[in-house]
Amino acid sequence: MQQTKGLSGTALKLIALVLMVLDHVHYFFGFTGMIPEWFSMLGRLAAPLFLFCLVEGFTHTHDRRRYFLKVYLLSIAMNGLLFFMAFCGVWVRPDGFYPMNGMMTAFALLIVIWQGMDWIAQKRYLIGASAVILPLACPVILTQLSLAFPKLMNPLGFAGYTILPMWNSNADTALSTIITGILLYLFRRHRRVQAAVFAGFTFLMFFVYFGLLLRNQPDFAWSQMFTKYYEWYGAFAALLMLCYNGQRGKGYQKFFYIFYPAHIYLLYALSFLFF
């Protein structure tokens, strides 16, 4: 069989994995002053590439329920630990740092939203709109319930980190991540448009919008958008998206699901050695 030119889904995920590790090495050990900033600059491409691969995986999987369940259970486990770190001080580093990584939470929310979008396209409007709106409205709903019933604040807070994950529960589930995932899914059948929309949104959000917000700071200079506020570098992931050849590759699904939490907590544990 003749191989298709370009990068398979597995190849893209392996590239994203290497970039993610570089980013996380800087994330966990940057305080030592020993890790170069370019580790995180390259790492800006990792999350968009994983999102892109998630879109492809969800689109082509034969069992969406199972696909969601694997992501959702991992999200519950990692965010549950994050809750105890953030609010109970469990396993927090001496400098007060603890990992805020939670891409699986963003993935779980997006899978529900994408399914809702498909239901709406099938004219199943009620269930589709519910699947799209409820994940986005969850933080507001849980906040209002906590204010109305103060005794339920802690249980509702824990639920918001686990079984009812909120898009604002950790650093990886910002609304910009959710919007990026929605845009990637909307244009999934038009690769060039998809890549262009993604790159345009990322640049406008993290360079133009953030730059305009930061310009009022007395020590801000636009050159810092290339050295300090470089989140917009993620836009360059569009170039790798365009290299995708539409082939799944070897997969290695179990490896990726295990590696993500394993490397985070291993690097975090190793960072304790510097205190």
Protein backbone atom coordinates (compact mmCIF):
# COMPACT_ATOMS: atom_id res chain seq x y z
CA MET A 1 0.00 0.00 0.00
CA GLN A 2 1.38 3.39 -0.98
CA GLN A 3 1.84 5.70 1.97
CA THR A 4 0.13 9.10 1.90
CA LYS A 5 2.51 12.02 2.14
CA GLY A 6 2.30 14.24 5.19
CA LEU A 7 1.86 13.60 8.89
CA SER A 8 -0.52 11.04 10.35
CA GLY A 9 -2.57 11.68 13.46
CA THR A 10 -0.11 9.65 15.52
CA ALA A 11 2.82 11.69 14.17
CA LEU A 12 1.08 14.95 15.08
CA LYS A 13 0.36 13.67 18.58
CA LEU A 14 3.97 12.59 19.05
CA ILE A 15 5.17 16.03 17.95
CA ALA A 16 2.66 17.63 20.33
CA LEU A 17 3.84 15.31 23.11
CA VAL A 18 7.48 16.36 22.74
CA LEU A 19 6.51 20.04 22.67
CA MET A 20 4.29 19.52 25.71
CA VAL A 21 7.12 17.93 27.69
CA LEU A 22 9.40 20.87 26.87
CA ASP A 23 6.70 23.27 28.02
CA HIS A 24 6.10 21.37 31.24
CA VAL A 25 9.79 21.12 32.05
CA HIS A 26 9.86 24.92 31.97
CA TYR A 27 6.55 25.07 33.86
CA PHE A 28 7.77 22.92 36.74
CA PHE A 29 11.44 23.93 36.84
CA GLY A 30 11.42 27.50 35.52
CA PHE A 31 11.83 28.80 39.08
CA THR A 32 15.35 27.36 39.13
CA GLY A 33 16.49 29.72 36.36
CA MET A 34 18.05 26.73 34.59
CA ILE A 35 15.43 26.15 31.91
CA PRO A 36 15.43 28.36 28.79
CA GLU A 37 12.28 30.31 27.91
CA TRP A 38 12.15 28.84 24.43
CA PHE A 39 11.01 25.54 25.96
CA SER A 40 7.66 27.17 26.66
CA MET A 41 7.68 29.13 23.42
CA LEU A 42 7.77 25.87 21.47
CA GLY A 43 5.30 24.39 23.93
CA ARG A 44 2.61 26.86 22.82
CA LEU A 45 2.02 24.61 19.81
CA ALA A 46 1.23 21.51 21.88
CA ALA A 47 -2.32 22.19 23.10
CA PRO A 48 -3.65 23.30 19.68
CA LEU A 49 -2.20 20.17 18.07
CA PHE A 50 -3.80 17.92 20.68
CA LEU A 51 -7.11 19.76 20.16
CA PHE A 52 -6.81 19.24 16.43
CA CYS A 53 -6.16 15.51 16.93
CA LEU A 54 -9.10 15.30 19.33
CA VAL A 55 -11.37 16.75 16.65
CA GLU A 56 -10.18 14.10 14.21
CA GLY A 57 -10.48 11.32 16.76
CA PHE A 58 -14.01 12.30 17.78
CA THR A 59 -15.08 12.72 14.16
CA HIS A 60 -13.90 9.27 13.09
CA THR A 61 -14.38 7.13 16.22
CA HIS A 62 -16.88 4.28 15.99
CA ASP A 63 -17.90 4.64 19.65
CA ARG A 64 -18.30 8.22 20.81
CA ARG A 65 -19.59 7.21 24.23
CA ARG A 66 -16.50 5.16 24.97
CA TYR A 67 -14.29 7.90 23.54
CA PHE A 68 -15.90 10.44 25.88
CA LEU A 69 -15.82 8.13 28.89
CA LYS A 70 -12.05 7.64 28.73
CA VAL A 71 -11.45 11.38 28.62
CA TYR A 72 -14.10 12.14 31.24
CA LEU A 73 -12.82 9.64 33.83
CA LEU A 74 -9.27 10.92 33.48
CA SER A 75 -10.59 14.46 33.85
CA ILE A 76 -12.39 13.54 37.07
CA ALA A 77 -9.27 11.95 38.56
CA MET A 78 -6.91 14.82 37.69
CA ASN A 79 -9.29 17.62 38.57
CA GLY A 80 -10.24 15.90 41.82
CA LEU A 81 -6.58 15.95 42.83
CA LEU A 82 -6.36 19.58 41.72
CA PHE A 83 -9.29 20.42 44.01
CA PHE A 84 -7.54 18.95 47.05
CA MET A 85 -4.32 20.76 46.17
CA ALA A 86 -6.05 24.11 45.66
CA PHE A 87 -8.45 24.05 48.61
CA CYS A 88 -6.94 21.59 51.09
CA GLY A 89 -3.23 22.22 50.58
CA VAL A 90 -2.57 18.56 49.76
CA TRP A 91 0.86 17.93 48.19
CA VAL A 92 1.51 21.62 47.54
CA ARG A 93 5.12 22.62 46.90
CA PRO A 94 6.88 24.68 49.62
CA ASP A 95 6.65 27.79 47.42
CA GLY A 96 2.86 27.39 47.19
CA PHE A 97 2.95 26.06 43.62
CA TYR A 98 0.81 23.17 42.41
CA PRO A 99 0.06 21.96 38.85
CA MET A 100 -2.97 23.52 37.19
CA ASN A 101 -2.89 21.24 34.15
CA GLY A 102 -6.30 20.02 33.03
CA MET A 103 -6.54 19.61 29.28
CA MET A 104 -8.65 16.49 29.78
CA THR A 105 -11.32 18.66 31.36
CA ALA A 106 -11.38 20.92 28.30
CA PHE A 107 -11.48 17.82 26.09
CA ALA A 108 -14.43 16.33 28.00
CA LEU A 109 -16.41 19.58 27.80
CA LEU A 110 -15.68 19.98 24.10
CA ILE A 111 -16.77 16.44 23.27
CA VAL A 112 -20.17 17.17 24.85
CA ILE A 113 -20.43 20.47 22.98
CA TRP A 114 -19.42 18.88 19.66
CA GLN A 115 -22.02 16.16 20.11
CA GLY A 116 -24.58 18.88 20.79
CA MET A 117 -23.55 20.67 17.59
CA ASP A 118 -24.08 17.44 15.64
CA TRP A 119 -27.52 16.93 17.23
CA ILE A 120 -28.50 20.46 16.23
CA ALA A 121 -27.35 19.71 12.66
CA GLN A 122 -29.63 16.64 12.79
CA LYS A 123 -32.51 18.95 13.87
CA ARG A 124 -32.58 17.49 17.37
CA TYR A 125 -32.67 21.01 18.69
CA LEU A 126 -33.62 20.54 22.36
CA ILE A 127 -31.02 17.95 23.30
CA GLY A 128 -28.47 19.59 21.02
CA ALA A 129 -28.89 23.07 22.50
CA SER A 130 -28.76 21.58 26.00
CA ALA A 131 -25.47 19.80 25.25
CA VAL A 132 -23.95 23.04 23.93
CA ILE A 133 -25.31 25.48 26.53
CA LEU A 134 -25.09 23.53 29.79
CA PRO A 135 -21.28 22.98 29.74
CA LEU A 136 -20.82 26.70 29.07
CA ALA A 137 -23.35 27.74 31.72
CA CYS A 138 -22.18 25.29 34.40
CA PRO A 139 -19.87 27.77 36.24
CA VAL A 140 -22.69 30.32 36.49
CA ILE A 141 -25.22 27.72 37.62
CA LEU A 142 -22.96 26.26 40.32
CA THR A 143 -21.96 29.73 41.54
CA GLN A 144 -25.58 30.84 41.89
CA LEU A 145 -26.49 27.61 43.70
CA SER A 146 -23.57 28.12 46.10
CA LEU A 147 -24.75 31.65 46.87
CA ALA A 148 -28.33 30.50 47.36
CA PHE A 149 -27.36 27.50 49.50
CA PRO A 150 -24.07 28.31 51.33
CA LYS A 151 -24.02 24.92 53.07
CA LEU A 152 -23.67 23.28 49.68
CA MET A 153 -20.70 25.42 48.65
CA ASN A 154 -18.04 22.78 49.29
CA PRO A 155 -19.93 19.85 47.71
CA LEU A 156 -20.86 21.97 44.70
CA GLY A 157 -17.28 23.19 44.43
CA PHE A 158 -15.99 19.62 44.41
CA ALA A 159 -18.63 18.66 41.83
CA GLY A 160 -17.47 21.57 39.67
CA TYR A 161 -13.99 20.09 39.64
CA THR A 162 -15.03 16.49 39.02
CA ILE A 163 -18.38 15.14 37.81
CA LEU A 164 -19.61 18.54 36.58
CA PRO A 165 -16.36 19.99 35.23
CA MET A 166 -16.31 23.75 34.70
CA TRP A 167 -14.44 25.45 31.87
CA ASN A 168 -12.87 27.86 34.39
CA SER A 169 -11.69 25.22 36.86
CA ASN A 170 -8.04 25.16 35.76
CA ALA A 171 -5.48 26.90 33.59
CA ASP A 172 -6.10 24.69 30.54
CA THR A 173 -9.88 25.16 30.37
CA ALA A 174 -10.06 28.89 29.71
CA LEU A 175 -12.92 30.07 27.53
CA SER A 176 -10.42 30.74 24.73
CA THR A 177 -9.59 27.00 24.68
CA ILE A 178 -13.27 26.11 24.40
CA ILE A 179 -13.78 28.62 21.57
CA THR A 180 -10.71 27.27 19.78
CA GLY A 181 -12.08 23.74 20.01
CA ILE A 182 -15.47 24.83 18.67
CA LEU A 183 -13.86 26.62 15.71
CA LEU A 184 -11.66 23.62 14.88
CA TYR A 185 -14.72 21.38 14.87
CA LEU A 186 -16.90 23.75 12.85
CA PHE A 187 -14.37 23.88 9.99
CA ARG A 188 -13.07 20.30 10.25
CA ARG A 189 -14.14 19.43 6.69
CA HIS A 190 -12.25 22.36 5.19
CA ARG A 191 -8.62 22.00 6.26
CA ARG A 192 -7.22 25.25 4.91
CA VAL A 193 -10.11 27.30 6.23
CA GLN A 194 -9.86 25.47 9.55
CA ALA A 195 -6.16 26.26 9.89
CA ALA A 196 -6.64 29.88 8.81
CA VAL A 197 -9.54 30.48 11.22
CA PHE A 198 -7.60 28.88 14.06
CA ALA A 199 -4.47 30.94 13.38
CA GLY A 200 -6.47 34.14 12.96
CA PHE A 201 -8.42 33.68 16.18
CA THR A 202 -5.29 32.78 18.16
CA PHE A 203 -3.41 35.82 16.87
CA LEU A 204 -6.31 38.23 17.44
CA MET A 205 -6.97 36.85 20.92
CA PHE A 206 -3.47 36.52 22.31
CA PHE A 207 -1.55 39.17 20.40
CA VAL A 208 -3.98 41.94 19.47
CA TYR A 209 -6.52 41.71 22.31
CA PHE A 210 -4.03 40.91 25.08
CA GLY A 211 -1.61 43.49 23.72
CA LEU A 212 -4.28 46.19 23.85
CA LEU A 213 -5.10 45.21 27.42
CA LEU A 214 -1.45 45.28 28.46
CA ARG A 215 -0.49 48.52 26.73
CA ASN A 216 -1.76 50.60 29.66
CA GLN A 217 0.85 49.09 31.95
CA PRO A 218 3.70 51.56 32.51
CA ASP A 219 6.48 49.09 31.70
CA PHE A 220 4.80 47.45 28.71
CA ALA A 221 6.39 47.44 25.26
CA TRP A 222 5.02 45.64 22.20
CA SER A 223 8.33 43.82 21.87
CA GLN A 224 7.32 41.88 25.02
CA MET A 225 4.70 40.10 22.92
CA PHE A 226 7.63 38.15 21.46
CA THR A 227 9.55 37.53 24.68
CA LYS A 228 7.09 37.48 27.60
CA TYR A 229 3.50 37.29 26.38
CA TYR A 230 3.99 34.70 23.67
CA GLU A 231 0.81 32.64 24.02
CA TRP A 232 -0.02 33.66 20.45
CA TYR A 233 2.87 31.50 19.19
CA GLY A 234 0.33 28.70 19.24
CA ALA A 235 -0.97 30.09 15.93
CA PHE A 236 2.01 28.43 14.22
CA ALA A 237 0.45 25.04 14.97
CA ALA A 238 -1.70 25.76 11.90
CA LEU A 239 1.31 24.91 9.72
CA LEU A 240 1.47 21.40 11.17
CA MET A 241 -2.30 21.03 10.87
CA LEU A 242 -1.93 21.63 7.15
CA CYS A 243 0.58 18.76 7.01
CA TYR A 244 -2.03 16.26 8.27
CA ASN A 245 -2.61 13.53 5.69
CA GLY A 246 -5.96 12.32 7.03
CA GLN A 247 -4.51 9.00 8.27
CA ARG A 248 -4.84 7.85 11.86
CA GLY A 249 -1.42 6.22 12.08
CA LYS A 250 -0.56 3.58 14.66
CA GLY A 251 -2.68 5.18 17.35
CA TYR A 252 -0.96 4.34 20.65
CA GLN A 253 -4.10 5.54 22.46
CA LYS A 254 -3.31 3.89 25.79
CA PHE A 255 0.18 5.36 25.74
CA PHE A 256 -1.08 8.93 25.34
CA TYR A 257 -3.77 8.54 28.01
CA ILE A 258 -1.22 7.18 30.49
CA PHE A 259 1.63 9.51 29.57
CA TYR A 260 -0.27 12.77 30.09
CA PRO A 261 -0.98 12.44 33.85
CA ALA A 262 2.12 10.34 34.51
CA HIS A 263 4.62 12.89 33.20
CA ILE A 264 2.87 15.80 34.94
CA TYR A 265 2.99 14.24 38.39
CA LEU A 266 6.46 12.81 37.85
CA LEU A 267 7.89 16.22 36.88
CA TYR A 268 6.03 17.82 39.77
CA ALA A 269 7.43 15.27 42.24
CA LEU A 270 10.95 15.82 40.87
CA SER A 271 10.58 19.59 41.32
CA PHE A 272 10.36 19.04 45.10
CA LEU A 273 14.03 18.00 45.03
CA PHE A 274 15.04 21.65 44.52
CA PHE A 275 13.60 22.71 47.88
